[in-house]
Amino acid sequence: MGRRIGVIGVIVENRENSSQKINNVLSEYSEIIVGRMGIPYRERNLSVISLIIDGSTDEIGALSGKLGGIAGVKVKTALLSKDL
């Protein structure tokens, strides 16, 4: 199975209610996370997380899906177009 490299952008609208769920999901998929950066955007009462990922399409899709299933969390994924 090929591996792909990409970026997952996560917007968190209500950090207080979702941070533990987000961290649990990220811990579950830590083996495909190369890097993580989180920035609070206080002026808009949001947090933004960017993830650099390296995994199979199935693993990346599962991670994105679980994050997107958390209330108040929006997710977008961009992957390199070819398997590595």
N, C-alpha and C. Protein backbone atom coordinates (compact mmCIF):
# COMPACT_ATOMS: atom_id res chain seq x y z
N MET A 1 0.85 -1.18 0.00
CA MET A 1 0.00 0.00 0.00
C MET A 1 0.89 1.24 0.00
N GLY A 2 0.59 2.21 -0.88
CA GLY A 2 1.39 3.42 -0.96
C GLY A 2 1.10 4.39 0.17
N ARG A 3 2.08 5.21 0.43
CA ARG A 3 1.92 6.24 1.46
C ARG A 3 1.84 7.58 0.76
N ARG A 4 1.11 8.50 1.40
CA ARG A 4 0.95 9.83 0.84
C ARG A 4 1.31 10.86 1.90
N ILE A 5 1.80 11.99 1.43
CA ILE A 5 2.14 13.10 2.31
C ILE A 5 1.12 14.20 2.06
N GLY A 6 0.73 14.87 3.12
CA GLY A 6 -0.24 15.93 2.96
C GLY A 6 -0.35 16.81 4.18
N VAL A 7 -1.35 17.68 4.13
CA VAL A 7 -1.62 18.63 5.20
C VAL A 7 -3.10 18.52 5.55
N ILE A 8 -3.38 18.52 6.84
CA ILE A 8 -4.75 18.59 7.31
C ILE A 8 -4.90 19.90 8.07
N GLY A 9 -5.85 20.72 7.64
CA GLY A 9 -6.17 21.97 8.34
C GLY A 9 -7.42 21.76 9.19
N VAL A 10 -7.35 22.17 10.44
CA VAL A 10 -8.45 21.96 11.38
C VAL A 10 -8.82 23.30 12.00
N ILE A 11 -10.10 23.67 11.90
CA ILE A 11 -10.62 24.88 12.55
C ILE A 11 -11.50 24.41 13.71
N VAL A 12 -11.21 24.91 14.90
CA VAL A 12 -11.95 24.50 16.10
C VAL A 12 -12.74 25.71 16.60
N GLU A 13 -14.07 25.59 16.60
CA GLU A 13 -14.92 26.71 16.98
C GLU A 13 -15.14 26.81 18.49
N ASN A 14 -15.10 25.71 19.20
CA ASN A 14 -15.34 25.74 20.63
C ASN A 14 -14.31 24.85 21.33
N ARG A 15 -13.14 25.40 21.51
CA ARG A 15 -12.00 24.64 22.02
C ARG A 15 -12.28 23.99 23.36
N GLU A 16 -12.97 24.68 24.23
CA GLU A 16 -13.20 24.16 25.57
C GLU A 16 -13.99 22.85 25.55
N ASN A 17 -14.93 22.71 24.63
CA ASN A 17 -15.76 21.52 24.56
C ASN A 17 -15.18 20.40 23.72
N SER A 18 -14.20 20.70 22.87
CA SER A 18 -13.71 19.68 21.94
C SER A 18 -12.24 19.33 22.07
N SER A 19 -11.47 20.05 22.85
CA SER A 19 -10.01 19.84 22.87
C SER A 19 -9.63 18.43 23.31
N GLN A 20 -10.31 17.88 24.30
CA GLN A 20 -9.96 16.53 24.77
C GLN A 20 -10.25 15.49 23.69
N LYS A 21 -11.37 15.64 22.99
CA LYS A 21 -11.71 14.70 21.91
C LYS A 21 -10.70 14.80 20.77
N ILE A 22 -10.32 16.03 20.43
CA ILE A 22 -9.34 16.23 19.36
C ILE A 22 -8.01 15.59 19.75
N ASN A 23 -7.54 15.85 20.96
CA ASN A 23 -6.27 15.27 21.40
C ASN A 23 -6.31 13.75 21.44
N ASN A 24 -7.45 13.17 21.80
CA ASN A 24 -7.57 11.71 21.79
C ASN A 24 -7.42 11.15 20.38
N VAL A 25 -8.07 11.80 19.41
CA VAL A 25 -7.97 11.34 18.02
C VAL A 25 -6.53 11.51 17.52
N LEU A 26 -5.92 12.65 17.81
CA LEU A 26 -4.54 12.87 17.35
C LEU A 26 -3.58 11.86 17.97
N SER A 27 -3.80 11.50 19.22
CA SER A 27 -2.96 10.48 19.87
C SER A 27 -3.15 9.12 19.21
N GLU A 28 -4.38 8.82 18.84
CA GLU A 28 -4.69 7.54 18.18
C GLU A 28 -3.96 7.42 16.84
N TYR A 29 -3.78 8.53 16.15
CA TYR A 29 -3.14 8.53 14.83
C TYR A 29 -1.74 9.13 14.85
N SER A 30 -1.11 9.15 16.00
CA SER A 30 0.20 9.80 16.14
C SER A 30 1.27 9.22 15.22
N GLU A 31 1.13 7.94 14.83
CA GLU A 31 2.14 7.31 13.98
C GLU A 31 2.17 7.89 12.57
N ILE A 32 1.11 8.58 12.13
CA ILE A 32 1.15 9.18 10.79
C ILE A 32 1.30 10.69 10.83
N ILE A 33 1.37 11.27 12.03
CA ILE A 33 1.53 12.71 12.16
C ILE A 33 3.02 13.05 12.25
N VAL A 34 3.50 13.78 11.25
CA VAL A 34 4.90 14.19 11.20
C VAL A 34 5.12 15.46 12.02
N GLY A 35 4.15 16.37 11.96
CA GLY A 35 4.27 17.64 12.69
C GLY A 35 2.90 18.22 12.95
N ARG A 36 2.84 19.05 13.98
CA ARG A 36 1.57 19.66 14.39
C ARG A 36 1.84 21.08 14.88
N MET A 37 0.98 22.01 14.46
CA MET A 37 1.07 23.38 14.95
C MET A 37 -0.35 23.84 15.28
N GLY A 38 -0.54 24.36 16.47
CA GLY A 38 -1.84 24.89 16.88
C GLY A 38 -1.72 26.34 17.28
N ILE A 39 -2.63 27.15 16.78
CA ILE A 39 -2.61 28.58 17.05
C ILE A 39 -3.99 29.01 17.53
N PRO A 40 -4.08 29.63 18.71
CA PRO A 40 -5.37 30.20 19.11
C PRO A 40 -5.59 31.52 18.37
N TYR A 41 -6.79 31.72 17.87
CA TYR A 41 -7.16 32.95 17.19
C TYR A 41 -8.22 33.61 18.06
N ARG A 42 -7.75 34.26 19.09
CA ARG A 42 -8.63 34.79 20.14
C ARG A 42 -9.64 35.81 19.64
N GLU A 43 -9.24 36.64 18.67
CA GLU A 43 -10.13 37.68 18.15
C GLU A 43 -11.40 37.09 17.54
N ARG A 44 -11.33 35.86 17.07
CA ARG A 44 -12.48 35.20 16.46
C ARG A 44 -13.00 34.03 17.31
N ASN A 45 -12.42 33.85 18.47
CA ASN A 45 -12.80 32.75 19.37
C ASN A 45 -12.67 31.39 18.67
N LEU A 46 -11.55 31.21 17.94
CA LEU A 46 -11.26 29.98 17.21
C LEU A 46 -9.86 29.51 17.54
N SER A 47 -9.59 28.25 17.21
CA SER A 47 -8.23 27.73 17.19
C SER A 47 -8.00 27.09 15.83
N VAL A 48 -6.78 27.17 15.35
CA VAL A 48 -6.43 26.59 14.06
C VAL A 48 -5.29 25.62 14.30
N ILE A 49 -5.45 24.39 13.80
CA ILE A 49 -4.42 23.36 13.91
C ILE A 49 -4.02 22.94 12.51
N SER A 50 -2.73 22.87 12.24
CA SER A 50 -2.26 22.31 10.98
C SER A 50 -1.44 21.06 11.29
N LEU A 51 -1.71 20.02 10.52
CA LEU A 51 -1.02 18.74 10.70
C LEU A 51 -0.31 18.38 9.41
N ILE A 52 0.94 17.97 9.51
CA ILE A 52 1.67 17.38 8.38
C ILE A 52 1.55 15.87 8.59
N ILE A 53 1.07 15.17 7.57
CA ILE A 53 0.80 13.75 7.73
C ILE A 53 1.50 12.93 6.65
N ASP A 54 1.82 11.68 6.98
CA ASP A 54 2.45 10.72 6.08
C ASP A 54 1.83 9.37 6.38
N GLY A 55 0.91 8.93 5.52
CA GLY A 55 0.23 7.66 5.78
C GLY A 55 -0.51 7.18 4.55
N SER A 56 -1.20 6.07 4.69
CA SER A 56 -2.00 5.55 3.59
C SER A 56 -3.24 6.42 3.43
N THR A 57 -3.86 6.34 2.27
CA THR A 57 -5.08 7.08 2.02
C THR A 57 -6.15 6.71 3.04
N ASP A 58 -6.23 5.43 3.39
CA ASP A 58 -7.22 4.98 4.38
C ASP A 58 -6.96 5.58 5.76
N GLU A 59 -5.70 5.58 6.18
CA GLU A 59 -5.36 6.15 7.49
C GLU A 59 -5.67 7.64 7.54
N ILE A 60 -5.28 8.35 6.50
CA ILE A 60 -5.50 9.80 6.45
C ILE A 60 -7.00 10.10 6.41
N GLY A 61 -7.74 9.34 5.63
CA GLY A 61 -9.18 9.52 5.57
C GLY A 61 -9.86 9.25 6.90
N ALA A 62 -9.40 8.22 7.61
CA ALA A 62 -9.97 7.89 8.92
C ALA A 62 -9.69 9.01 9.92
N LEU A 63 -8.46 9.52 9.92
CA LEU A 63 -8.10 10.62 10.82
C LEU A 63 -8.96 11.85 10.52
N SER A 64 -9.06 12.23 9.26
CA SER A 64 -9.86 13.39 8.87
C SER A 64 -11.32 13.20 9.24
N GLY A 65 -11.84 12.01 9.00
CA GLY A 65 -13.23 11.72 9.31
C GLY A 65 -13.53 11.80 10.79
N LYS A 66 -12.64 11.25 11.61
CA LYS A 66 -12.86 11.30 13.06
C LYS A 66 -12.78 12.72 13.59
N LEU A 67 -11.83 13.50 13.08
CA LEU A 67 -11.75 14.90 13.50
C LEU A 67 -12.99 15.66 13.06
N GLY A 68 -13.42 15.46 11.82
CA GLY A 68 -14.58 16.16 11.30
C GLY A 68 -15.88 15.76 11.97
N GLY A 69 -15.89 14.61 12.63
CA GLY A 69 -17.07 14.15 13.33
C GLY A 69 -17.25 14.77 14.71
N ILE A 70 -16.29 15.55 15.15
CA ILE A 70 -16.38 16.22 16.45
C ILE A 70 -17.14 17.52 16.26
N ALA A 71 -18.11 17.76 17.12
CA ALA A 71 -18.93 18.98 17.02
C ALA A 71 -18.06 20.22 17.12
N GLY A 72 -18.30 21.18 16.21
CA GLY A 72 -17.56 22.44 16.22
C GLY A 72 -16.20 22.37 15.56
N VAL A 73 -15.91 21.27 14.85
CA VAL A 73 -14.60 21.10 14.20
C VAL A 73 -14.81 20.98 12.69
N LYS A 74 -14.07 21.78 11.92
CA LYS A 74 -14.09 21.73 10.46
C LYS A 74 -12.72 21.28 9.98
N VAL A 75 -12.69 20.41 8.96
CA VAL A 75 -11.44 19.80 8.51
C VAL A 75 -11.33 19.88 6.99
N LYS A 76 -10.15 20.20 6.50
CA LYS A 76 -9.83 20.14 5.07
C LYS A 76 -8.49 19.43 4.93
N THR A 77 -8.40 18.58 3.92
CA THR A 77 -7.19 17.79 3.69
C THR A 77 -6.66 18.06 2.28
N ALA A 78 -5.35 18.21 2.16
CA ALA A 78 -4.69 18.33 0.85
C ALA A 78 -3.57 17.30 0.83
N LEU A 79 -3.59 16.43 -0.19
CA LEU A 79 -2.59 15.37 -0.31
C LEU A 79 -1.78 15.51 -1.59
N LEU A 80 -0.54 15.07 -1.52
CA LEU A 80 0.28 14.97 -2.72
C LEU A 80 -0.42 14.01 -3.66
N SER A 81 -0.45 14.30 -4.94
CA SER A 81 -1.28 13.54 -5.87
C SER A 81 -0.77 12.14 -6.20
N LYS A 82 0.45 11.79 -5.78
CA LYS A 82 0.95 10.44 -6.10
C LYS A 82 1.41 9.73 -4.84
N ASP A 83 1.34 8.42 -4.88
CA ASP A 83 1.85 7.61 -3.76
C ASP A 83 3.36 7.70 -3.71
N LEU A 84 3.91 7.60 -2.51
CA LEU A 84 5.36 7.62 -2.34
C LEU A 84 5.84 6.26 -1.93
